[in-house]
Structures are given as structure tokens and as C-alpha cells.
Amino acid sequence: MAIRTTFFTLIEKINLALINGLAGFFGNSYALIADAIKSTTDIFSSLQVLFGLRYAKRQADENHPHGHGNIELLITILVVAFLFTSETVIAYESIQNIQKHQKVPPLDIVRSSSKRSWQLRFHIQ
């Protein structure tokens, strides 16, 4: 069940990353680009979790007499380090962009992207 849930989350995050990335690029909105970067990091985190879940299911062998379940801890540490690093980069880039003069993004692009983002996140039709 956990693998299936992670797989569906992965598909959702790919859609969010594409929608927000394209809208942010064409709409000149760093907030949408940052959200696309966050969704992309979630994609890689989900891939790491999928790997960990599948690897942890392996049976015990000569090298691992108690099984492979401890990989879950290692994957958790990797995911946290990856998310911390990506969020630090987003924060740094945001501070750099605040100090620059920015064009105001077209409202219709931002509005439609935000609406689609909410629909995907909360499964609204």
C-alpha cells in the first residue's frame, strides 16, 4: 500500500512541477518557479522512498541476517538532508531576488497556475 501511495504522489508532483515551472517561467514569477523546485525535490524524495521501501522488503541473507529494514533509517536521513539543502537554496535565491527589481507577472498566468495547483493538491474537480 505504501508503495502505491508513493507512486501516485510521484505522479501528482510531476504534474505540479511541470505546471508551476512553465507558468513561473512564462509568467516571470519566482514564487511559482520556487514551488516547481519544491515539487521537483519532492519527486526525488519520493523516488528515494520508493527505493527504500522496495529494498527493505528483501529477505534476510548472509550479509544481512536480520533483513534489510534498516535501510529505511538511511533513506530518511538522505531525504531530510536533500530537502534541507534544496530549501536552503530556495531561501537564498529568494533573498537574492527580493533585492532585485522584478517585473510583475501577468495575473492570468499566475491565477490559472495557482488554481490548477490547488486542484491537483486537494483533488478538486
Protein backbone atom coordinates (compact mmCIF):
# COMPACT_ATOMS: atom_id res chain seq x y z
CA MET A 1 0.00 0.00 0.00
CA ALA A 2 2.82 2.43 0.86
CA ILE A 3 4.50 1.85 -2.50
CA ARG A 4 1.25 2.52 -4.38
CA THR A 5 0.59 5.70 -2.39
CA THR A 6 4.13 6.94 -3.02
CA PHE A 7 3.75 6.17 -6.73
CA PHE A 8 0.55 8.25 -7.02
CA THR A 9 2.16 11.08 -5.07
CA LEU A 10 5.05 10.94 -7.53
CA ILE A 11 2.70 11.39 -10.50
CA GLU A 12 0.98 14.33 -8.78
CA LYS A 13 4.30 16.04 -8.01
CA ILE A 14 5.47 15.65 -11.62
CA ASN A 15 2.31 17.43 -12.79
CA LEU A 16 2.76 20.19 -10.21
CA ALA A 17 6.41 20.70 -11.12
CA LEU A 18 5.59 20.99 -14.83
CA ILE A 19 2.61 23.33 -14.39
CA ASN A 20 4.29 25.63 -11.89
CA GLY A 21 7.63 25.59 -13.70
CA LEU A 22 6.14 26.56 -17.04
CA ALA A 23 3.81 29.15 -15.51
CA GLY A 24 6.65 30.63 -13.48
CA PHE A 25 8.97 30.76 -16.48
CA PHE A 26 6.47 32.30 -18.89
CA GLY A 27 4.85 34.45 -16.21
CA ASN A 28 8.16 35.65 -14.75
CA SER A 29 7.11 34.57 -11.25
CA TYR A 30 9.89 33.40 -8.96
CA ALA A 31 7.31 32.17 -6.44
CA LEU A 32 5.95 29.68 -8.99
CA ILE A 33 9.47 28.67 -10.00
CA ALA A 34 10.33 28.08 -6.33
CA ASP A 35 7.18 25.97 -5.99
CA ALA A 36 8.24 23.97 -9.06
CA ILE A 37 11.66 23.43 -7.50
CA LYS A 38 9.98 22.27 -4.28
CA SER A 39 7.81 19.85 -6.26
CA THR A 40 10.91 18.57 -8.05
CA THR A 41 12.65 17.90 -4.74
CA ASP A 42 9.52 16.07 -3.64
CA ILE A 43 9.83 13.92 -6.79
CA PHE A 44 13.38 12.91 -5.89
CA SER A 45 12.36 12.33 -2.26
CA SER A 46 9.52 10.07 -3.41
CA LEU A 47 11.93 8.14 -5.62
CA GLN A 48 14.25 7.65 -2.65
CA VAL A 49 11.33 6.45 -0.52
CA LEU A 50 10.23 4.02 -3.27
CA PHE A 51 13.75 2.62 -3.45
CA GLY A 52 13.91 2.29 0.34
CA LEU A 53 10.55 0.56 0.61
CA ARG A 54 11.38 -1.92 -2.13
CA TYR A 55 14.85 -2.63 -0.76
CA ALA A 56 13.53 -3.07 2.79
CA LYS A 57 11.23 -5.86 1.59
CA ARG A 58 14.18 -8.11 0.70
CA GLN A 59 14.57 -11.27 2.71
CA ALA A 60 17.45 -11.84 5.12
CA ASP A 61 20.66 -13.14 3.58
CA GLU A 62 24.23 -13.96 4.67
CA ASN A 63 25.31 -10.32 4.80
CA HIS A 64 22.06 -9.12 6.42
CA PRO A 65 20.83 -11.86 8.77
CA HIS A 66 18.16 -9.56 10.28
CA GLY A 67 16.82 -8.39 6.94
CA HIS A 68 17.14 -5.10 5.09
CA GLY A 69 14.69 -2.99 7.11
CA ASN A 70 17.37 -0.67 8.49
CA ILE A 71 17.67 0.97 5.10
CA GLU A 72 14.56 2.95 5.99
CA LEU A 73 16.58 4.97 8.51
CA LEU A 74 19.28 5.68 5.94
CA ILE A 75 16.70 6.76 3.35
CA THR A 76 15.05 9.04 5.91
CA ILE A 77 18.36 10.74 6.64
CA LEU A 78 19.04 11.16 2.90
CA VAL A 79 15.57 12.62 2.28
CA VAL A 80 15.92 15.10 5.16
CA ALA A 81 19.39 16.19 4.02
CA PHE A 82 18.18 16.56 0.42
CA LEU A 83 15.12 18.62 1.45
CA PHE A 84 17.14 20.78 3.84
CA THR A 85 19.67 21.55 1.11
CA SER A 86 17.05 22.36 -1.51
CA GLU A 87 15.06 24.57 0.86
CA THR A 88 18.23 26.43 1.82
CA VAL A 89 18.96 27.09 -1.87
CA ILE A 90 15.38 28.31 -2.44
CA ALA A 91 15.64 30.63 0.59
CA TYR A 92 18.98 32.02 -0.60
CA GLU A 93 17.72 32.59 -4.14
CA SER A 94 14.54 34.22 -2.80
CA ILE A 95 16.57 36.68 -0.76
CA GLN A 96 18.69 37.45 -3.83
CA ASN A 97 15.57 38.02 -5.94
CA ILE A 98 13.96 40.29 -3.34
CA GLN A 99 16.93 42.64 -3.70
CA LYS A 100 16.47 42.89 -7.49
CA HIS A 101 13.81 44.82 -9.37
CA GLN A 102 11.28 42.37 -10.76
CA LYS A 103 8.64 42.67 -13.45
CA VAL A 104 5.14 41.97 -12.21
CA PRO A 105 3.97 38.63 -13.66
CA PRO A 106 0.81 38.57 -15.78
CA LEU A 107 -2.05 37.94 -13.38
CA ASP A 108 -3.92 35.49 -15.63
CA ILE A 109 -0.94 33.09 -15.80
CA VAL A 110 -0.39 33.22 -12.05
CA ARG A 111 -4.10 32.81 -11.32
CA SER A 112 -4.61 29.83 -13.65
CA SER A 113 -1.46 28.09 -12.40
CA SER A 114 -2.41 28.61 -8.77
CA LYS A 115 -5.91 27.27 -9.42
CA ARG A 116 -4.56 24.14 -11.15
CA SER A 117 -2.04 23.65 -8.35
CA TRP A 118 -4.80 23.68 -5.74
CA GLN A 119 -6.90 21.30 -7.83
CA LEU A 120 -4.07 18.79 -8.04
CA ARG A 121 -3.13 19.07 -4.37
CA PHE A 122 -6.62 18.74 -2.97
CA HIS A 123 -8.18 16.64 -5.76
CA ILE A 124 -10.76 19.27 -6.66
CA GLN A 125 -12.59 18.95 -9.95
